N, C-alpha and C. Protein backbone atom coordinates (compact mmCIF):
# COMPACT_ATOMS: atom_id res chain seq x y z
N MET A 1 86.20 102.77 125.04
CA MET A 1 85.29 103.48 123.75
C MET A 1 85.92 104.07 123.30
N LYS A 2 86.40 105.31 124.10
CA LYS A 2 86.78 106.80 123.70
C LYS A 2 87.54 106.81 123.49
N LEU A 3 88.84 105.70 124.06
CA LEU A 3 89.91 105.40 123.91
C LEU A 3 90.23 104.58 123.18
N TYR A 4 89.90 103.83 122.28
CA TYR A 4 89.95 103.31 121.23
C TYR A 4 89.10 104.19 119.65
N ARG A 5 88.29 104.79 119.85
CA ARG A 5 87.99 106.12 118.65
C ARG A 5 89.94 106.71 118.81
N GLN A 6 90.51 107.49 119.97
CA GLN A 6 91.20 107.69 119.37
C GLN A 6 91.94 107.15 119.09
N ILE A 7 92.17 106.54 119.10
CA ILE A 7 93.72 104.84 118.58
C ILE A 7 92.79 104.96 116.33
N MET A 8 91.53 104.85 117.11
CA MET A 8 91.28 105.19 115.26
C MET A 8 91.34 105.63 114.74
N HIS A 9 91.39 107.19 115.55
CA HIS A 9 91.27 108.37 114.63
C HIS A 9 93.33 108.68 114.01
N ILE A 10 94.03 108.23 114.58
CA ILE A 10 95.39 108.05 114.75
C ILE A 10 95.78 107.32 113.34
N VAL A 11 95.02 106.17 113.55
CA VAL A 11 94.63 105.15 112.62
C VAL A 11 94.98 105.95 111.23
N LEU A 12 93.54 105.99 111.02
CA LEU A 12 93.31 106.60 109.69
C LEU A 12 93.86 107.51 109.26
N MET A 13 94.24 108.61 110.22
CA MET A 13 95.08 109.73 109.83
C MET A 13 96.59 109.19 108.65
N VAL A 14 97.05 108.01 109.59
CA VAL A 14 98.15 107.13 109.06
C VAL A 14 97.92 106.94 107.61
N GLU A 15 96.89 105.80 107.80
CA GLU A 15 96.09 105.35 106.23
C GLU A 15 95.78 106.06 105.45
N ASN A 16 95.20 106.74 105.74
CA ASN A 16 95.36 108.38 104.69
C ASN A 16 96.63 109.33 103.66
N THR A 17 97.18 109.01 104.99
CA THR A 17 98.48 109.82 104.12
C THR A 17 98.85 108.82 103.07
N VAL A 18 99.77 107.37 104.03
CA VAL A 18 99.96 106.02 102.80
C VAL A 18 99.15 105.78 101.80
N LEU A 19 97.32 105.87 102.03
CA LEU A 19 96.72 105.86 100.56
C LEU A 19 97.58 107.54 99.46
N ALA A 20 97.35 108.00 99.88
CA ALA A 20 97.97 109.35 99.26
C ALA A 20 98.77 109.13 98.53
N LEU A 21 100.07 109.10 99.38
CA LEU A 21 101.11 108.80 98.65
C LEU A 21 102.13 107.59 98.44
N SER A 22 100.36 106.42 98.27
CA SER A 22 101.14 105.81 97.28
C SER A 22 99.56 106.13 96.06
N VAL A 23 98.73 106.45 96.31
CA VAL A 23 98.65 107.10 94.61
C VAL A 23 99.47 107.66 94.27
N LEU A 24 100.12 109.06 94.73
CA LEU A 24 101.02 109.56 93.59
C LEU A 24 102.14 109.24 94.13
N LEU A 25 102.56 108.03 94.32
CA LEU A 25 103.75 106.50 93.34
C LEU A 25 103.52 106.22 91.98
N VAL A 26 101.79 105.87 92.13
CA VAL A 26 101.97 105.49 91.36
C VAL A 26 101.35 106.40 90.05
N LEU A 27 100.95 106.86 90.44
CA LEU A 27 100.87 107.92 89.03
C LEU A 27 102.83 108.37 88.63
N LEU A 28 102.87 108.65 89.59
CA LEU A 28 103.95 109.15 88.89
C LEU A 28 104.46 108.17 88.34
N LEU A 29 105.57 106.74 88.75
CA LEU A 29 106.02 105.75 87.92
C LEU A 29 105.20 106.18 86.84
N THR A 30 103.93 105.87 86.06
CA THR A 30 103.07 105.29 85.39
C THR A 30 103.55 106.40 84.06
N PHE A 31 102.65 108.11 85.23
CA PHE A 31 103.08 108.42 84.18
C PHE A 31 104.94 109.05 83.60
N GLY A 32 105.85 108.15 84.60
CA GLY A 32 107.87 108.15 83.82
C GLY A 32 107.19 107.37 82.99
N ASN A 33 107.02 106.19 83.03
CA ASN A 33 106.73 105.11 81.95
C ASN A 33 106.58 105.16 80.74
N VAL A 34 105.65 105.75 80.20
CA VAL A 34 105.15 106.57 79.30
C VAL A 34 105.60 107.33 79.26
N VAL A 35 105.91 108.83 79.21
CA VAL A 35 107.05 109.61 79.30
C VAL A 35 108.42 108.59 78.60
N ALA A 36 108.59 107.19 79.36
CA ALA A 36 110.47 107.02 78.92
C ALA A 36 109.27 106.14 77.57
N ARG A 37 108.27 106.14 77.45
CA ARG A 37 107.88 105.06 76.36
C ARG A 37 107.59 106.18 74.80
N LYS A 38 107.51 106.90 75.11
CA LYS A 38 107.26 107.42 74.21
C LYS A 38 108.40 108.97 73.83
N LEU A 39 109.19 108.47 74.38
CA LEU A 39 110.75 110.10 73.66
C LEU A 39 111.47 108.94 73.82
N PHE A 40 112.04 108.72 74.49
CA PHE A 40 113.40 107.17 74.36
C PHE A 40 112.56 106.10 73.63
N GLN A 41 111.97 105.63 73.32
CA GLN A 41 111.92 104.18 73.35
C GLN A 41 111.46 103.06 74.74
N HIS A 42 112.04 103.38 75.70
CA HIS A 42 112.97 101.96 76.44
C HIS A 42 111.18 102.50 77.47
N SER A 43 111.07 101.09 77.92
CA SER A 43 110.49 101.31 78.64
C SER A 43 111.15 100.81 80.48
N TRP A 44 110.40 101.70 81.67
CA TRP A 44 110.36 100.84 82.96
C TRP A 44 109.94 99.33 83.26
N GLY A 45 110.52 98.59 83.02
CA GLY A 45 109.96 97.69 83.10
C GLY A 45 109.79 97.45 84.98
N PHE A 46 110.16 97.97 85.74
CA PHE A 46 110.21 98.19 87.08
C PHE A 46 109.52 98.80 87.60
N THR A 47 108.37 99.48 87.28
CA THR A 47 107.38 100.20 87.17
C THR A 47 106.17 99.12 87.70
N GLU A 48 105.74 98.26 87.08
CA GLU A 48 104.67 97.03 86.42
C GLU A 48 104.89 96.19 88.19
N GLU A 49 105.88 95.82 88.65
CA GLU A 49 106.26 95.04 90.07
C GLU A 49 105.49 96.11 91.39
N ILE A 50 106.35 97.52 91.06
CA ILE A 50 106.03 98.17 92.27
C ILE A 50 104.20 98.73 91.63
N VAL A 51 103.70 98.82 91.06
CA VAL A 51 102.60 99.49 90.99
C VAL A 51 101.64 98.65 91.38
N VAL A 52 101.85 97.38 90.60
CA VAL A 52 100.39 96.21 91.38
C VAL A 52 101.01 95.76 92.86
N ALA A 53 101.69 95.52 92.65
CA ALA A 53 102.24 95.69 94.31
C ALA A 53 101.17 96.69 95.17
N VAL A 54 101.48 98.29 94.96
CA VAL A 54 100.63 99.58 95.49
C VAL A 54 99.33 99.10 95.03
N PHE A 55 99.22 99.12 94.01
CA PHE A 55 97.67 99.00 94.06
C PHE A 55 97.20 98.01 95.16
N VAL A 56 97.27 97.13 95.22
CA VAL A 56 96.86 95.61 96.39
C VAL A 56 96.70 96.53 98.02
N LEU A 57 98.21 97.52 98.28
CA LEU A 57 97.81 98.38 99.39
C LEU A 57 96.91 99.19 98.98
N ILE A 58 96.41 99.37 97.98
CA ILE A 58 95.64 100.69 97.49
C ILE A 58 94.67 100.80 98.39
N SER A 59 94.72 99.18 97.66
CA SER A 59 92.54 98.27 97.08
C SER A 59 92.15 97.79 99.05
N LEU A 60 93.35 97.23 100.18
CA LEU A 60 92.68 97.47 101.26
C LEU A 60 92.91 97.63 102.23
N LEU A 61 93.31 98.97 101.59
CA LEU A 61 93.75 99.82 103.13
C LEU A 61 92.13 100.86 102.20
N GLY A 62 92.12 101.79 101.26
CA GLY A 62 91.34 101.50 101.14
C GLY A 62 89.48 101.22 101.88
N ALA A 63 89.66 99.45 100.76
CA ALA A 63 88.58 98.61 101.83
C ALA A 63 88.41 98.89 103.46
N GLY A 64 89.49 99.09 103.84
CA GLY A 64 89.26 99.25 105.85
C GLY A 64 89.15 100.63 105.41
N THR A 65 89.08 101.96 105.22
CA THR A 65 88.58 102.96 105.73
C THR A 65 87.77 102.68 105.11
N ALA A 66 86.96 102.24 103.90
CA ALA A 66 85.73 102.17 103.17
C ALA A 66 84.94 101.61 104.72
N ALA A 67 85.24 100.67 105.57
CA ALA A 67 84.58 99.29 106.44
C ALA A 67 84.49 100.25 107.25
N ARG A 68 84.68 101.19 108.03
CA ARG A 68 85.22 101.81 108.85
C ARG A 68 83.40 102.58 109.21
N GLU A 69 82.60 103.15 108.29
CA GLU A 69 81.30 103.56 107.50
C GLU A 69 80.64 102.95 107.17
N GLU A 70 78.98 102.78 107.80
CA GLU A 70 78.26 102.28 107.67
C GLU A 70 77.28 102.52 106.36
N GLY A 71 77.13 101.22 105.34
CA GLY A 71 77.33 101.35 104.27
C GLY A 71 78.12 101.59 102.96
N GLY A 72 80.28 101.78 103.87
CA GLY A 72 80.92 102.38 102.89
C GLY A 72 81.41 101.20 102.25
N LEU A 73 81.19 100.41 102.17
CA LEU A 73 81.34 99.03 101.42
C LEU A 73 80.45 98.40 100.83
N VAL A 74 80.72 97.92 99.46
CA VAL A 74 78.82 96.93 99.78
C VAL A 74 78.25 96.15 99.89
N ASN A 75 77.01 96.12 100.26
CA ASN A 75 76.61 94.97 101.18
C ASN A 75 75.03 95.24 100.43
N LEU A 76 74.65 94.04 101.12
CA LEU A 76 73.20 93.16 100.69
C LEU A 76 71.60 93.52 101.81
N SER A 77 71.40 94.72 101.77
CA SER A 77 69.94 94.69 102.65
C SER A 77 69.23 94.26 102.65
N LEU A 78 68.78 93.78 101.36
CA LEU A 78 67.77 92.95 101.14
C LEU A 78 66.99 92.43 102.19
N LEU A 79 67.73 91.48 103.65
CA LEU A 79 66.94 91.36 104.59
C LEU A 79 66.72 92.30 105.58
N THR A 80 67.79 93.21 105.62
CA THR A 80 67.47 94.01 106.84
C THR A 80 66.84 95.17 106.53
N ASP A 81 66.22 95.63 105.49
CA ASP A 81 65.87 96.09 105.50
C ASP A 81 64.29 95.99 106.00
N HIS A 82 63.97 94.79 105.83
CA HIS A 82 62.33 94.22 106.45
C HIS A 82 62.42 93.83 107.71
N VAL A 83 63.50 94.10 108.74
CA VAL A 83 63.22 93.53 109.51
C VAL A 83 63.10 94.85 110.73
N ASN A 84 63.12 94.00 111.97
CA ASN A 84 62.97 95.62 112.93
C ASN A 84 64.15 95.77 112.98
N SER A 85 63.98 97.56 114.01
CA SER A 85 65.88 97.28 114.83
C SER A 85 67.05 96.79 115.61
N LYS A 86 65.74 95.81 116.51
CA LYS A 86 66.55 94.72 117.32
C LYS A 86 66.88 94.03 116.34
N THR A 87 66.78 93.13 115.77
CA THR A 87 67.48 92.29 114.82
C THR A 87 68.27 93.27 114.13
N LYS A 88 68.13 93.56 112.67
CA LYS A 88 68.80 94.76 112.38
C LYS A 88 70.32 94.64 112.91
N LYS A 89 70.03 95.25 113.92
CA LYS A 89 71.19 95.17 115.11
C LYS A 89 72.21 94.17 114.91
N ILE A 90 71.39 92.88 115.54
CA ILE A 90 72.30 91.38 115.56
C ILE A 90 72.41 91.19 114.13
N LEU A 91 71.79 91.34 112.79
CA LEU A 91 73.03 90.51 111.95
C LEU A 91 73.18 91.75 111.82
N HIS A 92 74.40 92.85 111.63
CA HIS A 92 74.94 93.94 111.73
C HIS A 92 75.87 93.13 112.91
N VAL A 93 75.28 92.39 113.86
CA VAL A 93 77.15 92.38 114.40
C VAL A 93 77.33 91.01 113.40
N ILE A 94 76.35 89.77 113.92
CA ILE A 94 76.89 88.96 112.43
C ILE A 94 76.96 88.74 111.36
N SER A 95 76.94 89.74 111.19
CA SER A 95 78.00 90.28 109.79
C SER A 95 79.21 90.99 109.56
N SER A 96 79.28 91.62 111.21
CA SER A 96 80.59 92.50 111.24
C SER A 96 81.58 91.51 112.51
N LEU A 97 80.92 89.83 112.33
CA LEU A 97 81.84 88.89 112.33
C LEU A 97 82.05 88.33 111.61
N PHE A 98 81.82 87.97 110.69
CA PHE A 98 81.89 87.49 109.66
C PHE A 98 82.95 87.81 108.48
N CYS A 99 82.86 89.11 108.89
CA CYS A 99 83.77 90.45 108.34
C CYS A 99 85.47 90.22 109.03
N ILE A 100 85.27 89.80 109.99
CA ILE A 100 86.18 90.30 110.63
C ILE A 100 86.81 88.54 110.55
N ILE A 101 86.69 87.78 110.81
CA ILE A 101 86.68 86.01 110.58
C ILE A 101 87.73 86.07 109.56
N TYR A 102 87.05 86.74 108.32
CA TYR A 102 87.12 86.78 107.19
C TYR A 102 88.82 87.60 106.72
N SER A 103 88.45 89.00 107.31
CA SER A 103 90.09 89.53 107.28
C SER A 103 92.01 88.71 108.45
N PHE A 104 90.72 88.33 109.20
CA PHE A 104 91.75 87.33 110.00
C PHE A 104 92.16 86.25 109.32
N ILE A 105 91.22 85.83 108.79
CA ILE A 105 91.83 85.14 107.92
C ILE A 105 93.18 84.90 106.83
N LEU A 106 92.27 85.73 106.03
CA LEU A 106 93.37 86.57 105.50
C LEU A 106 95.18 86.76 105.65
N CYS A 107 94.18 87.57 106.73
CA CYS A 107 95.97 88.00 107.28
C CYS A 107 97.11 86.89 107.79
N PHE A 108 96.33 86.05 108.54
CA PHE A 108 97.15 84.61 108.51
C PHE A 108 97.61 83.89 107.15
N GLU A 109 96.66 84.30 106.36
CA GLU A 109 97.21 83.75 104.91
C GLU A 109 97.97 84.34 104.15
N ALA A 110 98.70 85.69 104.32
CA ALA A 110 99.11 86.01 104.09
C ALA A 110 100.66 85.95 104.84
N ILE A 111 100.78 85.79 106.41
CA ILE A 111 101.58 85.84 107.26
C ILE A 111 102.15 84.55 106.55
N SER A 112 101.35 83.54 106.32
CA SER A 112 101.76 82.02 106.06
C SER A 112 102.91 82.75 104.66
N ARG A 113 102.15 82.60 104.23
CA ARG A 113 102.34 83.03 102.52
C ARG A 113 103.88 83.55 102.04
N MET A 114 104.36 84.40 103.68
CA MET A 114 105.27 85.41 103.87
C MET A 114 106.43 84.96 104.51
N ALA A 115 105.87 83.92 104.71
CA ALA A 115 106.81 83.35 105.71
C ALA A 115 107.78 81.95 105.08
N SER A 116 106.42 80.98 103.33
CA SER A 116 107.27 80.47 102.86
C SER A 116 107.14 80.17 101.44
N ASP A 117 107.42 81.96 100.69
CA ASP A 117 107.82 82.11 99.32
C ASP A 117 108.57 83.01 99.42
N LYS A 118 109.48 81.61 99.26
CA LYS A 118 110.90 82.66 98.75
C LYS A 118 111.65 83.59 97.48
N THR A 119 111.05 82.96 96.78
CA THR A 119 111.26 83.90 95.57
C THR A 119 111.07 85.43 95.88
N SER A 120 111.57 85.64 94.48
CA SER A 120 111.43 87.19 94.29
C SER A 120 111.73 87.62 93.12
N SER A 121 110.64 89.19 92.76
CA SER A 121 110.29 88.82 91.65
C SER A 121 111.46 89.34 90.93
N PRO A 122 110.62 89.35 89.98
CA PRO A 122 111.73 89.03 88.15
C PRO A 122 113.08 89.88 87.94
N ILE A 123 112.15 91.99 88.02
CA ILE A 123 113.74 92.59 88.03
C ILE A 123 113.48 93.47 88.84
N LEU A 124 113.56 93.60 90.05
CA LEU A 124 113.58 93.68 90.77
C LEU A 124 115.36 93.23 92.11
N GLY A 125 114.01 92.34 92.18
CA GLY A 125 114.35 90.52 93.01
C GLY A 125 114.10 91.33 94.17
N ILE A 126 112.53 91.41 94.60
CA ILE A 126 112.21 92.33 96.20
C ILE A 126 112.14 90.92 96.30
N PRO A 127 112.16 90.35 97.54
CA PRO A 127 111.43 89.00 98.17
C PRO A 127 109.84 89.28 97.68
N LYS A 128 109.02 88.65 96.98
CA LYS A 128 107.83 88.26 97.59
C LYS A 128 107.34 88.41 98.54
N SER A 129 108.24 87.87 99.82
CA SER A 129 107.69 88.31 101.13
C SER A 129 107.42 89.62 101.36
N PHE A 130 107.75 90.41 100.68
CA PHE A 130 108.16 91.62 100.94
C PHE A 130 106.30 92.28 100.42
N PHE A 131 106.06 91.99 99.02
CA PHE A 131 104.97 91.88 99.02
C PHE A 131 103.87 91.88 98.78
N TRP A 132 103.88 90.47 100.42
CA TRP A 132 103.01 90.22 100.96
C TRP A 132 102.71 90.52 101.88
N GLY A 133 103.52 91.07 102.51
CA GLY A 133 103.40 92.34 103.41
C GLY A 133 101.98 92.76 103.56
N PHE A 134 101.97 93.47 101.96
CA PHE A 134 101.03 95.22 101.60
C PHE A 134 99.39 94.00 102.63
N VAL A 135 99.10 92.66 101.89
CA VAL A 135 97.76 91.54 102.20
C VAL A 135 98.31 91.74 103.72
N VAL A 136 98.41 91.63 104.75
CA VAL A 136 98.83 90.85 105.86
C VAL A 136 98.89 93.13 106.48
N ILE A 137 99.12 94.31 105.87
CA ILE A 137 98.48 95.31 106.79
C ILE A 137 96.83 95.78 106.16
N GLY A 138 96.56 95.19 105.24
CA GLY A 138 95.58 95.50 104.44
C GLY A 138 94.54 94.81 105.68
N ALA A 139 94.93 93.49 105.93
CA ALA A 139 93.68 92.97 106.40
C ALA A 139 94.19 93.11 107.41
N ILE A 140 94.93 93.78 108.22
CA ILE A 140 94.94 94.52 109.71
C ILE A 140 94.48 95.64 109.48
N SER A 141 94.19 96.40 108.39
CA SER A 141 93.74 97.68 109.26
C SER A 141 91.77 97.00 108.54
N LEU A 142 91.74 96.03 107.57
CA LEU A 142 90.09 96.04 107.95
C LEU A 142 89.51 95.56 108.56
N ILE A 143 90.40 94.51 109.63
CA ILE A 143 90.51 94.01 111.27
C ILE A 143 89.44 94.71 112.28
N LEU A 144 90.13 96.12 112.25
CA LEU A 144 90.46 97.27 113.18
C LEU A 144 88.90 98.12 112.62
N HIS A 145 89.05 98.58 111.68
CA HIS A 145 87.64 99.16 111.14
C HIS A 145 86.06 98.67 110.90
N PHE A 146 86.57 96.93 111.22
CA PHE A 146 85.70 96.67 111.29
C PHE A 146 84.74 96.30 112.60
N ILE A 147 85.94 96.01 113.41
CA ILE A 147 85.38 96.62 114.36
C ILE A 147 85.38 97.67 114.84
N GLU A 148 85.52 98.50 114.93
CA GLU A 148 85.20 100.29 114.49
C GLU A 148 83.23 100.26 114.26
N ASN A 149 83.18 99.65 112.53
CA ASN A 149 82.01 100.16 112.11
C ASN A 149 81.07 99.13 113.37
N CYS A 150 81.40 97.89 114.04
CA CYS A 150 80.45 97.51 115.02
C CYS A 150 80.62 98.38 115.87
N ILE A 151 81.46 98.73 116.82
CA ILE A 151 80.58 99.16 117.95
C ILE A 151 80.22 100.64 118.23
N ASP A 152 80.99 101.18 116.72
CA ASP A 152 79.99 103.02 115.78
C ASP A 152 78.14 102.84 116.27
N TYR A 153 78.78 101.66 115.65
CA TYR A 153 76.59 101.33 114.77
C TYR A 153 76.07 101.13 116.65
N ASN A 154 76.87 100.08 116.73
CA ASN A 154 75.99 100.05 118.54
C ASN A 154 75.37 101.01 119.21
N ALA A 155 76.75 102.06 119.60
CA ALA A 155 76.45 103.54 119.91
C ALA A 155 76.00 103.82 119.35
N LYS A 156 75.57 103.75 118.47
CA LYS A 156 74.51 104.74 118.01
C LYS A 156 73.03 104.83 118.01
N ASN A 157 72.50 103.42 118.27
CA ASN A 157 71.28 102.57 118.56
C ASN A 157 71.50 102.47 119.65
N LYS A 158 72.14 102.29 120.30
CA LYS A 158 71.63 103.08 122.19
C LYS A 158 71.71 104.73 122.08
N GLU A 159 71.85 105.10 121.30
CA GLU A 159 71.75 106.58 121.67
C GLU A 159 69.78 106.60 121.05
N GLU A 160 69.87 106.53 120.29
CA GLU A 160 68.79 106.52 119.33
C GLU A 160 67.80 106.00 120.38
N ALA A 161 67.89 104.57 121.23
CA ALA A 161 66.65 103.56 122.10
C ALA A 161 66.39 104.57 123.18
N ALA A 162 68.15 105.55 123.32
CA ALA A 162 67.57 106.13 124.61
C ALA A 162 66.47 107.49 124.59
N SER A 163 66.94 108.71 122.82
CA SER A 163 66.04 109.57 123.16
C SER A 163 65.10 109.00 122.53
């Protein structure tokens, strides 16, 4: 458990760095495109391809980092608000399992698309399989953080029960 937390701390630092750099990249490309369009009446066509792909990465990594905290992602607590703590713990584990299974499916589907998509982006000519790699990275982030959330939730409940 302690080793997993240490590894996840490093993973989180890397994810936060990638998120910050990705947002900065999107900001610079979008701002540069606006300036180019207004001053030179010429748009940078390549920015749309990059910005859309990076937004996918930002969205999935952001969801992964949010998933590590209880209540970080939108959830429906209609049932869990009206049950005892033991049932709440069971429902949390079941919910975490469904989220992990979904993330595995997302990851395998993205890997399948990476293998089968032989097309390239229209402007830059980058293989689209490269962009599907962002979905794989995001899905792995989700898996790791859902596992972390489940471990932390169960550890917190054990501490509360002991005190």
